[in-house]
Amino acid sequence: MQYLIRGEFVEANTAGKPLPEVIKWIETIIHPSLEMLEKAVREKKLTGGVIAGVREGVMIMEASSNEEVGAFLRSLPFWGALKWTVVPLQSYRSAVDQDKASFEQARKMM
């Protein structure tokens, strides 16, 4: 099953903090997370990227369960620093098949 995942950076993580602290936080939390995501892309577990000019990223992940998606996101060092939206995707084929079945049922009722 595929999932559309959006991660939006929560500004409170860095707001009002001294620059050296922000830089350290980015180097120890953000960069390792992005490296893990890049590795997952190389391994063909997901595809996606950071939205240009915005502190937000999107990906489509192939996973066998909701739990697998949750476990993967929780493994990212910046898991708690982003607001996550996860949407299970229905395949185009299954949408067509559903429509055909619905139309067939409707035709029988006419």
PDB file of N, CA and C in Angstrom:
ATOM      1  N   MET A   1       0.840  -1.172   0.000  1.00  0.00           N
ATOM      2  CA  MET A   1       0.000   0.000   0.000  1.00  0.00           C
ATOM      3  C   MET A   1       0.888   1.238   0.000  1.00  0.00           C
ATOM      4  N   GLN A   2       0.411   2.269  -0.667  1.00  0.00           N
ATOM      5  CA  GLN A   2       1.178   3.517  -0.694  1.00  0.00           C
ATOM      6  C   GLN A   2       0.535   4.554   0.222  1.00  0.00           C
ATOM      7  N   TYR A   3       1.398   5.399   0.778  1.00  0.00           N
ATOM      8  CA  TYR A   3       0.960   6.467   1.668  1.00  0.00           C
ATOM      9  C   TYR A   3       1.563   7.788   1.209  1.00  0.00           C
ATOM     10  N   LEU A   4       0.742   8.817   1.185  1.00  0.00           N
ATOM     11  CA  LEU A   4       1.215  10.173   0.952  1.00  0.00           C
ATOM     12  C   LEU A   4       1.489  10.768   2.321  1.00  0.00           C
ATOM     13  N   ILE A   5       2.721  11.213   2.536  1.00  0.00           N
ATOM     14  CA  ILE A   5       3.134  11.713   3.848  1.00  0.00           C
ATOM     15  C   ILE A   5       3.658  13.135   3.688  1.00  0.00           C
ATOM     16  N   ARG A   6       3.172  14.008   4.553  1.00  0.00           N
ATOM     17  CA  ARG A   6       3.613  15.408   4.543  1.00  0.00           C
ATOM     18  C   ARG A   6       4.141  15.730   5.932  1.00  0.00           C
ATOM     19  N   GLY A   7       5.331  16.314   5.977  1.00  0.00           N
ATOM     20  CA  GLY A   7       5.917  16.744   7.235  1.00  0.00           C
ATOM     21  C   GLY A   7       6.146  18.247   7.207  1.00  0.00           C
ATOM     22  N   GLU A   8       5.533  18.939   8.143  1.00  0.00           N
ATOM     23  CA  GLU A   8       5.647  20.399   8.209  1.00  0.00           C
ATOM     24  C   GLU A   8       6.428  20.788   9.468  1.00  0.00           C
ATOM     25  N   PHE A   9       7.509  21.529   9.280  1.00  0.00           N
ATOM     26  CA  PHE A   9       8.375  21.943  10.380  1.00  0.00           C
ATOM     27  C   PHE A   9       7.605  22.831  11.354  1.00  0.00           C
ATOM     28  N   VAL A  10       7.763  22.567  12.644  1.00  0.00           N
ATOM     29  CA  VAL A  10       7.133  23.371  13.683  1.00  0.00           C
ATOM     30  C   VAL A  10       8.140  24.427  14.124  1.00  0.00           C
ATOM     31  N   GLU A  11       7.838  25.666  13.833  1.00  0.00           N
ATOM     32  CA  GLU A  11       8.770  26.785  14.084  1.00  0.00           C
ATOM     33  C   GLU A  11       9.174  26.919  15.547  1.00  0.00           C
ATOM     34  N   ALA A  12       8.359  26.464  16.462  1.00  0.00           N
ATOM     35  CA  ALA A  12       8.677  26.597  17.889  1.00  0.00           C
ATOM     36  C   ALA A  12       9.973  25.888  18.264  1.00  0.00           C
ATOM     37  N   ASN A  13      10.423  24.978  17.429  1.00  0.00           N
ATOM     38  CA  ASN A  13      11.669  24.250  17.721  1.00  0.00           C
ATOM     39  C   ASN A  13      12.894  25.151  17.720  1.00  0.00           C
ATOM     40  N   THR A  14      12.850  26.220  16.954  1.00  0.00           N
ATOM     41  CA  THR A  14      14.022  27.094  16.856  1.00  0.00           C
ATOM     42  C   THR A  14      13.730  28.551  17.227  1.00  0.00           C
ATOM     43  N   ALA A  15      12.478  28.901  17.371  1.00  0.00           N
ATOM     44  CA  ALA A  15      12.107  30.297  17.632  1.00  0.00           C
ATOM     45  C   ALA A  15      12.749  30.814  18.914  1.00  0.00           C
ATOM     46  N   GLY A  16      13.423  31.951  18.789  1.00  0.00           N
ATOM     47  CA  GLY A  16      14.001  32.620  19.947  1.00  0.00           C
ATOM     48  C   GLY A  16      15.255  31.985  20.531  1.00  0.00           C
ATOM     49  N   LYS A  17      15.752  30.957  19.901  1.00  0.00           N
ATOM     50  CA  LYS A  17      16.953  30.299  20.412  1.00  0.00           C
ATOM     51  C   LYS A  17      18.198  30.944  19.816  1.00  0.00           C
ATOM     52  N   PRO A  18      19.313  30.920  20.556  1.00  0.00           N
ATOM     53  CA  PRO A  18      20.554  31.484  20.034  1.00  0.00           C
ATOM     54  C   PRO A  18      21.015  30.705  18.789  1.00  0.00           C
ATOM     55  N   LEU A  19      21.622  31.410  17.859  1.00  0.00           N
ATOM     56  CA  LEU A  19      22.053  30.815  16.604  1.00  0.00           C
ATOM     57  C   LEU A  19      22.930  29.579  16.793  1.00  0.00           C
ATOM     58  N   PRO A  20      23.916  29.592  17.695  1.00  0.00           N
ATOM     59  CA  PRO A  20      24.733  28.379  17.866  1.00  0.00           C
ATOM     60  C   PRO A  20      23.894  27.157  18.275  1.00  0.00           C
ATOM     61  N   GLU A  21      22.884  27.384  19.096  1.00  0.00           N
ATOM     62  CA  GLU A  21      22.007  26.291  19.524  1.00  0.00           C
ATOM     63  C   GLU A  21      21.169  25.780  18.339  1.00  0.00           C
ATOM     64  N   VAL A  22      20.691  26.684  17.509  1.00  0.00           N
ATOM     65  CA  VAL A  22      19.906  26.308  16.329  1.00  0.00           C
ATOM     66  C   VAL A  22      20.766  25.503  15.358  1.00  0.00           C
ATOM     67  N   ILE A  23      21.990  25.970  15.128  1.00  0.00           N
ATOM     68  CA  ILE A  23      22.898  25.264  14.211  1.00  0.00           C
ATOM     69  C   ILE A  23      23.180  23.853  14.732  1.00  0.00           C
ATOM     70  N   LYS A  24      23.449  23.728  16.024  1.00  0.00           N
ATOM     71  CA  LYS A  24      23.717  22.404  16.604  1.00  0.00           C
ATOM     72  C   LYS A  24      22.499  21.510  16.442  1.00  0.00           C
ATOM     73  N   TRP A  25      21.312  22.054  16.688  1.00  0.00           N
ATOM     74  CA  TRP A  25      20.078  21.285  16.575  1.00  0.00           C
ATOM     75  C   TRP A  25      19.869  20.806  15.129  1.00  0.00           C
ATOM     76  N   ILE A  26      20.126  21.674  14.171  1.00  0.00           N
ATOM     77  CA  ILE A  26      19.987  21.298  12.758  1.00  0.00           C
ATOM     78  C   ILE A  26      20.988  20.196  12.411  1.00  0.00           C
ATOM     79  N   GLU A  27      22.211  20.339  12.883  1.00  0.00           N
ATOM     80  CA  GLU A  27      23.240  19.342  12.569  1.00  0.00           C
ATOM     81  C   GLU A  27      22.987  17.995  13.237  1.00  0.00           C
ATOM     82  N   THR A  28      22.364  17.991  14.406  1.00  0.00           N
ATOM     83  CA  THR A  28      22.176  16.731  15.134  1.00  0.00           C
ATOM     84  C   THR A  28      20.787  16.107  14.961  1.00  0.00           C
ATOM     85  N   ILE A  29      19.814  16.878  14.526  1.00  0.00           N
ATOM     86  CA  ILE A  29      18.446  16.368  14.379  1.00  0.00           C
ATOM     87  C   ILE A  29      17.974  16.399  12.917  1.00  0.00           C
ATOM     88  N   ILE A  30      18.067  17.553  12.290  1.00  0.00           N
ATOM     89  CA  ILE A  30      17.530  17.717  10.926  1.00  0.00           C
ATOM     90  C   ILE A  30      18.372  16.956   9.904  1.00  0.00           C
ATOM     91  N   HIS A  31      19.668  17.218   9.872  1.00  0.00           N
ATOM     92  CA  HIS A  31      20.512  16.569   8.854  1.00  0.00           C
ATOM     93  C   HIS A  31      20.499  15.041   8.943  1.00  0.00           C
ATOM     94  N   PRO A  32      20.607  14.449  10.143  1.00  0.00           N
ATOM     95  CA  PRO A  32      20.523  12.983  10.202  1.00  0.00           C
ATOM     96  C   PRO A  32      19.176  12.450   9.691  1.00  0.00           C
ATOM     97  N   SER A  33      18.103  13.170   9.954  1.00  0.00           N
ATOM     98  CA  SER A  33      16.784  12.757   9.459  1.00  0.00           C
ATOM     99  C   SER A  33      16.738  12.795   7.942  1.00  0.00           C
ATOM    100  N   LEU A  34      17.246  13.869   7.363  1.00  0.00           N
ATOM    101  CA  LEU A  34      17.260  13.990   5.901  1.00  0.00           C
ATOM    102  C   LEU A  34      18.144  12.910   5.280  1.00  0.00           C
ATOM    103  N   GLU A  35      19.253  12.579   5.942  1.00  0.00           N
ATOM    104  CA  GLU A  35      20.119  11.497   5.452  1.00  0.00           C
ATOM    105  C   GLU A  35      19.375  10.161   5.471  1.00  0.00           C
ATOM    106  N   MET A  36      18.605   9.921   6.526  1.00  0.00           N
ATOM    107  CA  MET A  36      17.830   8.681   6.602  1.00  0.00           C
ATOM    108  C   MET A  36      16.782   8.629   5.490  1.00  0.00           C
ATOM    109  N   LEU A  37      16.160   9.761   5.210  1.00  0.00           N
ATOM    110  CA  LEU A  37      15.168   9.803   4.133  1.00  0.00           C
ATOM    111  C   LEU A  37      15.839   9.571   2.776  1.00  0.00           C
ATOM    112  N   GLU A  38      17.006  10.162   2.578  1.00  0.00           N
ATOM    113  CA  GLU A  38      17.741   9.951   1.327  1.00  0.00           C
ATOM    114  C   GLU A  38      18.107   8.478   1.160  1.00  0.00           C
ATOM    115  N   LYS A  39      18.500   7.834   2.252  1.00  0.00           N
ATOM    116  CA  LYS A  39      18.817   6.403   2.197  1.00  0.00           C
ATOM    117  C   LYS A  39      17.577   5.603   1.806  1.00  0.00           C
ATOM    118  N   ALA A  40      16.437   5.940   2.366  1.00  0.00           N
ATOM    119  CA  ALA A  40      15.194   5.243   2.024  1.00  0.00           C
ATOM    120  C   ALA A  40      14.832   5.439   0.557  1.00  0.00           C
ATOM    121  N   VAL A  41      15.134   6.619   0.004  1.00  0.00           N
ATOM    122  CA  VAL A  41      14.910   6.863  -1.427  1.00  0.00           C
ATOM    123  C   VAL A  41      15.835   5.964  -2.244  1.00  0.00           C
ATOM    124  N   ARG A  42      17.105   5.907  -1.876  1.00  0.00           N
ATOM    125  CA  ARG A  42      18.060   5.040  -2.590  1.00  0.00           C
ATOM    126  C   ARG A  42      17.631   3.577  -2.541  1.00  0.00           C
ATOM    127  N   GLU A  43      17.050   3.171  -1.414  1.00  0.00           N
ATOM    128  CA  GLU A  43      16.601   1.786  -1.245  1.00  0.00           C
ATOM    129  C   GLU A  43      15.218   1.552  -1.861  1.00  0.00           C
ATOM    130  N   LYS A  44      14.661   2.594  -2.474  1.00  0.00           N
ATOM    131  CA  LYS A  44      13.365   2.539  -3.156  1.00  0.00           C
ATOM    132  C   LYS A  44      12.206   2.214  -2.215  1.00  0.00           C
ATOM    133  N   LYS A  45      12.322   2.624  -0.949  1.00  0.00           N
ATOM    134  CA  LYS A  45      11.236   2.471   0.012  1.00  0.00           C
ATOM    135  C   LYS A  45      10.254   3.631  -0.086  1.00  0.00           C
ATOM    136  N   LEU A  46      10.756   4.752  -0.597  1.00  0.00           N
ATOM    137  CA  LEU A  46       9.903   5.921  -0.754  1.00  0.00           C
ATOM    138  C   LEU A  46      10.481   6.842  -1.807  1.00  0.00           C
ATOM    139  N   THR A  47       9.690   7.818  -2.186  1.00  0.00           N
ATOM    140  CA  THR A  47      10.153   8.879  -3.063  1.00  0.00           C
ATOM    141  C   THR A  47       9.603  10.186  -2.522  1.00  0.00           C
ATOM    142  N   GLY A  48      10.291  11.258  -2.785  1.00  0.00           N
ATOM    143  CA  GLY A  48       9.816  12.545  -2.288  1.00  0.00           C
ATOM    144  C   GLY A  48      10.951  13.516  -2.137  1.00  0.00           C
ATOM    145  N   GLY A  49      10.677  14.584  -1.416  1.00  0.00           N
ATOM    146  CA  GLY A  49      11.703  15.588  -1.201  1.00  0.00           C
ATOM    147  C   GLY A  49      11.174  16.756  -0.400  1.00  0.00           C
ATOM    148  N   VAL A  50      12.042  17.737  -0.233  1.00  0.00           N
ATOM    149  CA  VAL A  50      11.710  18.960   0.485  1.00  0.00           C
ATOM    150  C   VAL A  50      11.102  19.930  -0.515  1.00  0.00           C
ATOM    151  N   ILE A  51      10.026  20.583  -0.123  1.00  0.00           N
ATOM    152  CA  ILE A  51       9.397  21.568  -1.003  1.00  0.00           C
ATOM    153  C   ILE A  51      10.313  22.783  -1.075  1.00  0.00           C
ATOM    154  N   ALA A  52      10.656  23.177  -2.286  1.00  0.00           N
ATOM    155  CA  ALA A  52      11.604  24.276  -2.496  1.00  0.00           C
ATOM    156  C   ALA A  52      11.126  25.556  -1.808  1.00  0.00           C
ATOM    157  N   GLY A  53      12.009  26.113  -0.995  1.00  0.00           N
ATOM    158  CA  GLY A  53      11.739  27.396  -0.349  1.00  0.00           C
ATOM    159  C   GLY A  53      10.805  27.330   0.847  1.00  0.00           C
ATOM    160  N   VAL A  54      10.425  26.126   1.265  1.00  0.00           N
ATOM    161  CA  VAL A  54       9.488  25.971   2.382  1.00  0.00           C
ATOM    162  C   VAL A  54      10.055  24.934   3.351  1.00  0.00           C
ATOM    163  N   ARG A  55       9.781  25.072   4.600  1.00  0.00           N
ATOM    164  CA  ARG A  55      10.238  24.083   5.598  1.00  0.00           C
ATOM    165  C   ARG A  55       9.204  22.972   5.714  1.00  0.00           C
ATOM    166  N   GLU A  56       9.117  22.237   4.628  1.00  0.00           N
ATOM    167  CA  GLU A  56       8.113  21.191   4.521  1.00  0.00           C
ATOM    168  C   GLU A  56       8.598  20.145   3.533  1.00  0.00           C
ATOM    169  N   GLY A  57       8.207  18.921   3.742  1.00  0.00           N
ATOM    170  CA  GLY A  57       8.577  17.863   2.817  1.00  0.00           C
ATOM    171  C   GLY A  57       7.401  16.939   2.564  1.00  0.00           C
ATOM    172  N   VAL A  58       7.461  16.256   1.433  1.00  0.00           N
ATOM    173  CA  VAL A  58       6.429  15.284   1.088  1.00  0.00           C
ATOM    174  C   VAL A  58       7.100  14.023   0.569  1.00  0.00           C
ATOM    175  N   MET A  59       6.401  12.908   0.760  1.00  0.00           N
ATOM    176  CA  MET A  59       6.914  11.649   0.241  1.00  0.00           C
ATOM    177  C   MET A  59       5.754  10.708  -0.019  1.00  0.00           C
ATOM    178  N   ILE A  60       6.014   9.769  -0.880  1.00  0.00           N
ATOM    179  CA  ILE A  60       5.116   8.641  -1.061  1.00  0.00           C
ATOM    180  C   ILE A  60       5.910   7.429  -0.628  1.00  0.00           C
ATOM    181  N   MET A  61       5.342   6.715   0.340  1.00  0.00           N
ATOM    182  CA  MET A  61       6.028   5.572   0.928  1.00  0.00           C
ATOM    183  C   MET A  61       5.254   4.299   0.640  1.00  0.00           C
ATOM    184  N   GLU A  62       5.974   3.267   0.277  1.00  0.00           N
ATOM    185  CA  GLU A  62       5.396   1.934   0.111  1.00  0.00           C
ATOM    186  C   GLU A  62       5.544   1.207   1.444  1.00  0.00           C
ATOM    187  N   ALA A  63       4.425   0.752   2.008  1.00  0.00           N
ATOM    188  CA  ALA A  63       4.463   0.058   3.295  1.00  0.00           C
ATOM    189  C   ALA A  63       3.355  -0.983   3.343  1.00  0.00           C
ATOM    190  N   SER A  64       3.570  -2.008   4.140  1.00  0.00           N
ATOM    191  CA  SER A  64       2.576  -3.078   4.240  1.00  0.00           C
ATOM    192  C   SER A  64       1.486  -2.782   5.260  1.00  0.00           C
ATOM    193  N   SER A  65       1.703  -1.768   6.122  1.00  0.00           N
ATOM    194  CA  SER A  65       0.697  -1.475   7.147  1.00  0.00           C
ATOM    195  C   SER A  65       0.857  -0.050   7.671  1.00  0.00           C
ATOM    196  N   ASN A  66      -0.196   0.408   8.341  1.00  0.00           N
ATOM    197  CA  ASN A  66      -0.140   1.705   9.013  1.00  0.00           C
ATOM    198  C   ASN A  66       0.954   1.702  10.075  1.00  0.00           C
ATOM    199  N   GLU A  67       1.102   0.576  10.752  1.00  0.00           N
ATOM    200  CA  GLU A  67       2.106   0.462  11.806  1.00  0.00           C
ATOM    201  C   GLU A  67       3.521   0.624  11.256  1.00  0.00           C
ATOM    202  N   GLU A  68       3.761   0.076  10.066  1.00  0.00           N
ATOM    203  CA  GLU A  68       5.078   0.224   9.445  1.00  0.00           C
ATOM    204  C   GLU A  68       5.384   1.689   9.161  1.00  0.00           C
ATOM    205  N   VAL A  69       4.385   2.417   8.679  1.00  0.00           N
ATOM    206  CA  VAL A  69       4.573   3.852   8.417  1.00  0.00           C
ATOM    207  C   VAL A  69       4.876   4.576   9.722  1.00  0.00           C
ATOM    208  N   GLY A  70       4.082   4.303  10.746  1.00  0.00           N
ATOM    209  CA  GLY A  70       4.291   4.948  12.042  1.00  0.00           C
ATOM    210  C   GLY A  70       5.667   4.661  12.620  1.00  0.00           C
ATOM    211  N   ALA A  71       6.088   3.411  12.524  1.00  0.00           N
ATOM    212  CA  ALA A  71       7.409   3.042  13.048  1.00  0.00           C
ATOM    213  C   ALA A  71       8.516   3.748  12.282  1.00  0.00           C
ATOM    214  N   PHE A  72       8.376   3.835  10.961  1.00  0.00           N
ATOM    215  CA  PHE A  72       9.403   4.517  10.172  1.00  0.00           C
ATOM    216  C   PHE A  72       9.487   5.998  10.550  1.00  0.00           C
ATOM    217  N   LEU A  73       8.346   6.660  10.626  1.00  0.00           N
ATOM    218  CA  LEU A  73       8.363   8.083  10.968  1.00  0.00           C
ATOM    219  C   LEU A  73       8.943   8.305  12.358  1.00  0.00           C
ATOM    220  N   ARG A  74       8.602   7.447  13.302  1.00  0.00           N
ATOM    221  CA  ARG A  74       9.131   7.588  14.668  1.00  0.00           C
ATOM    222  C   ARG A  74      10.626   7.312  14.745  1.00  0.00           C
ATOM    223  N   SER A  75      11.165   6.619  13.752  1.00  0.00           N
ATOM    224  CA  SER A  75      12.605   6.347  13.757  1.00  0.00           C
ATOM    225  C   SER A  75      13.422   7.560  13.321  1.00  0.00           C
ATOM    226  N   LEU A  76      12.770   8.544  12.719  1.00  0.00           N
ATOM    227  CA  LEU A  76      13.468   9.746  12.252  1.00  0.00           C
ATOM    228  C   LEU A  76      13.760  10.660  13.436  1.00  0.00           C
ATOM    229  N   PRO A  77      14.994  11.145  13.573  1.00  0.00           N
ATOM    230  CA  PRO A  77      15.318  12.023  14.700  1.00  0.00           C
ATOM    231  C   PRO A  77      14.415  13.254  14.795  1.00  0.00           C
ATOM    232  N   PHE A  78      13.926  13.754  13.660  1.00  0.00           N
ATOM    233  CA  PHE A  78      13.070  14.942  13.731  1.00  0.00           C
ATOM    234  C   PHE A  78      11.581  14.613  13.796  1.00  0.00           C
ATOM    235  N   TRP A  79      11.242  13.381  14.148  1.00  0.00           N
ATOM    236  CA  TRP A  79       9.845  12.964  14.206  1.00  0.00           C
ATOM    237  C   TRP A  79       9.003  13.926  15.042  1.00  0.00           C
ATOM    238  N   GLY A  80       9.441  14.265  16.236  1.00  0.00           N
ATOM    239  CA  GLY A  80       8.674  15.138  17.119  1.00  0.00           C
ATOM    240  C   GLY A  80       8.744  16.611  16.759  1.00  0.00           C
ATOM    241  N   ALA A  81       9.599  16.973  15.829  1.00  0.00           N
ATOM    242  CA  ALA A  81       9.764  18.377  15.452  1.00  0.00           C
ATOM    243  C   ALA A  81       8.903  18.771  14.250  1.00  0.00           C
ATOM    244  N   LEU A  82       8.226  17.793  13.663  1.00  0.00           N
ATOM    245  CA  LEU A  82       7.386  18.067  12.503  1.00  0.00           C
ATOM    246  C   LEU A  82       5.947  17.678  12.799  1.00  0.00           C
ATOM    247  N   LYS A  83       5.036  18.370  12.151  1.00  0.00           N
ATOM    248  CA  LYS A  83       3.624  17.996  12.197  1.00  0.00           C
ATOM    249  C   LYS A  83       3.401  17.095  10.986  1.00  0.00           C
ATOM    250  N   TRP A  84       2.954  15.864  11.227  1.00  0.00           N
ATOM    251  CA  TRP A  84       2.831  14.872  10.168  1.00  0.00           C
ATOM    252  C   TRP A  84       1.383  14.697   9.729  1.00  0.00           C
ATOM    253  N   THR A  85       1.205  14.541   8.426  1.00  0.00           N
ATOM    254  CA  THR A  85      -0.078  14.165   7.847  1.00  0.00           C
ATOM    255  C   THR A  85       0.184  12.932   7.000  1.00  0.00           C
ATOM    256  N   VAL A  86      -0.566  11.860   7.267  1.00  0.00           N
ATOM    257  CA  VAL A  86      -0.385  10.597   6.546  1.00  0.00           C
ATOM    258  C   VAL A  86      -1.716  10.216   5.913  1.00  0.00           C
ATOM    259  N   VAL A  87      -1.692   9.995   4.586  1.00  0.00           N
ATOM    260  CA  VAL A  87      -2.907   9.661   3.841  1.00  0.00           C
ATOM    261  C   VAL A  87      -2.680   8.373   3.065  1.00  0.00           C
ATOM    262  N   PRO A  88      -3.462   7.308   3.361  1.00  0.00           N
ATOM    263  CA  PRO A  88      -3.343   6.092   2.556  1.00  0.00           C
ATOM    264  C   PRO A  88      -3.874   6.362   1.149  1.00  0.00           C
ATOM    265  N   LEU A  89      -3.183   5.853   0.155  1.00  0.00           N
ATOM    266  CA  LEU A  89      -3.587   6.068  -1.228  1.00  0.00           C
ATOM    267  C   LEU A  89      -4.243   4.819  -1.807  1.00  0.00           C
ATOM    268  N   GLN A  90      -5.277   5.050  -2.586  1.00  0.00           N
ATOM    269  CA  GLN A  90      -5.938   3.973  -3.324  1.00  0.00           C
ATOM    270  C   GLN A  90      -5.348   3.977  -4.726  1.00  0.00           C
ATOM    271  N   SER A  91      -5.093   2.806  -5.269  1.00  0.00           N
ATOM    272  CA  SER A  91      -4.513   2.738  -6.611  1.00  0.00           C
ATOM    273  C   SER A  91      -5.541   3.186  -7.652  1.00  0.00           C
ATOM    274  N   TYR A  92      -5.040   3.651  -8.781  1.00  0.00           N
ATOM    275  CA  TYR A  92      -5.930   4.023  -9.887  1.00  0.00           C
ATOM    276  C   TYR A  92      -6.752   2.819 -10.325  1.00  0.00           C
ATOM    277  N   ARG A  93      -6.099   1.656 -10.394  1.00  0.00           N
ATOM    278  CA  ARG A  93      -6.788   0.431 -10.843  1.00  0.00           C
ATOM    279  C   ARG A  93      -7.955   0.103  -9.932  1.00  0.00           C
ATOM    280  N   SER A  94      -7.746   0.170  -8.612  1.00  0.00           N
ATOM    281  CA  SER A  94      -8.826  -0.179  -7.693  1.00  0.00           C
ATOM    282  C   SER A  94      -9.961   0.844  -7.768  1.00  0.00           C
ATOM    283  N   ALA A  95      -9.647   2.100  -8.049  1.00  0.00           N
ATOM    284  CA  ALA A  95     -10.699   3.113  -8.209  1.00  0.00           C
ATOM    285  C   ALA A  95     -11.552   2.808  -9.436  1.00  0.00           C
ATOM    286  N   VAL A  96     -10.907   2.430 -10.540  1.00  0.00           N
ATOM    287  CA  VAL A  96     -11.649   2.058 -11.752  1.00  0.00           C
ATOM    288  C   VAL A  96     -12.498   0.822 -11.482  1.00  0.00           C
ATOM    289  N   ASP A  97     -11.907  -0.181 -10.820  1.00  0.00           N
ATOM    290  CA  ASP A  97     -12.640  -1.410 -10.509  1.00  0.00           C
ATOM    291  C   ASP A  97     -13.851  -1.123  -9.621  1.00  0.00           C
ATOM    292  N   GLN A  98     -13.695  -0.246  -8.646  1.00  0.00           N
ATOM    293  CA  GLN A  98     -14.811   0.124  -7.777  1.00  0.00           C
ATOM    294  C   GLN A  98     -15.921   0.800  -8.573  1.00  0.00           C
ATOM    295  N   ASP A  99     -15.531   1.725  -9.449  1.00  0.00           N
ATOM    296  CA  ASP A  99     -16.529   2.407 -10.279  1.00  0.00           C
ATOM    297  C   ASP A  99     -17.288   1.409 -11.146  1.00  0.00           C
ATOM    298  N   LYS A 100     -16.562   0.513 -11.792  1.00  0.00           N
ATOM    299  CA  LYS A 100     -17.207  -0.484 -12.649  1.00  0.00           C
ATOM    300  C   LYS A 100     -18.191  -1.332 -11.854  1.00  0.00           C
ATOM    301  N   ALA A 101     -17.811  -1.765 -10.663  1.00  0.00           N
ATOM    302  CA  ALA A 101     -18.701  -2.571  -9.823  1.00  0.00           C
ATOM    303  C   ALA A 101     -19.932  -1.769  -9.407  1.00  0.00           C
ATOM    304  N   SER A 102     -19.743  -0.501  -9.057  1.00  0.00           N
ATOM    305  CA  SER A 102     -20.866   0.356  -8.676  1.00  0.00           C
ATOM    306  C   SER A 102     -21.813   0.576  -9.849  1.00  0.00           C
ATOM    307  N   PHE A 103     -21.241   0.822 -11.044  1.00  0.00           N
ATOM    308  CA  PHE A 103     -22.072   1.032 -12.241  1.00  0.00           C
ATOM    309  C   PHE A 103     -22.858  -0.220 -12.572  1.00  0.00           C
ATOM    310  N   GLU A 104     -22.208  -1.372 -12.441  1.00  0.00           N
ATOM    311  CA  GLU A 104     -22.886  -2.645 -12.724  1.00  0.00           C
ATOM    312  C   GLU A 104     -24.054  -2.856 -11.768  1.00  0.00           C
ATOM    313  N   GLN A 105     -23.819  -2.560 -10.498  1.00  0.00           N
ATOM    314  CA  GLN A 105     -24.883  -2.699  -9.501  1.00  0.00           C
ATOM    315  C   GLN A 105     -26.021  -1.712  -9.801  1.00  0.00           C
ATOM    316  N   ALA A 106     -25.673  -0.491 -10.174  1.00  0.00           N
ATOM    317  CA  ALA A 106     -26.697   0.512 -10.500  1.00  0.00           C
ATOM    318  C   ALA A 106     -27.506   0.092 -11.730  1.00  0.00           C
ATOM    319  N   ARG A 107     -26.841  -0.480 -12.736  1.00  0.00           N
ATOM    320  CA  ARG A 107     -27.543  -0.923 -13.949  1.00  0.00           C
ATOM    321  C   ARG A 107     -28.547  -2.033 -13.627  1.00  0.00           C
ATOM    322  N   LYS A 108     -28.188  -2.918 -12.699  1.00  0.00           N
ATOM    323  CA  LYS A 108     -29.089  -3.999 -12.314  1.00  0.00           C
ATOM    324  C   LYS A 108     -30.346  -3.460 -11.624  1.00  0.00           C
ATOM    325  N   MET A 109     -30.202  -2.312 -10.986  1.00  0.00           N
ATOM    326  CA  MET A 109     -31.332  -1.718 -10.266  1.00  0.00           C
ATOM    327  C   MET A 109     -32.250  -0.908 -11.170  1.00  0.00           C
ATOM    328  N   MET A 110     -31.832  -0.662 -12.419  1.00  0.00           N
ATOM    329  CA  MET A 110     -32.643   0.143 -13.353  1.00  0.00           C
ATOM    330  C   MET A 110     -33.768  -0.668 -13.929  1.00  0.00           C
TER     331      MET A 110
END
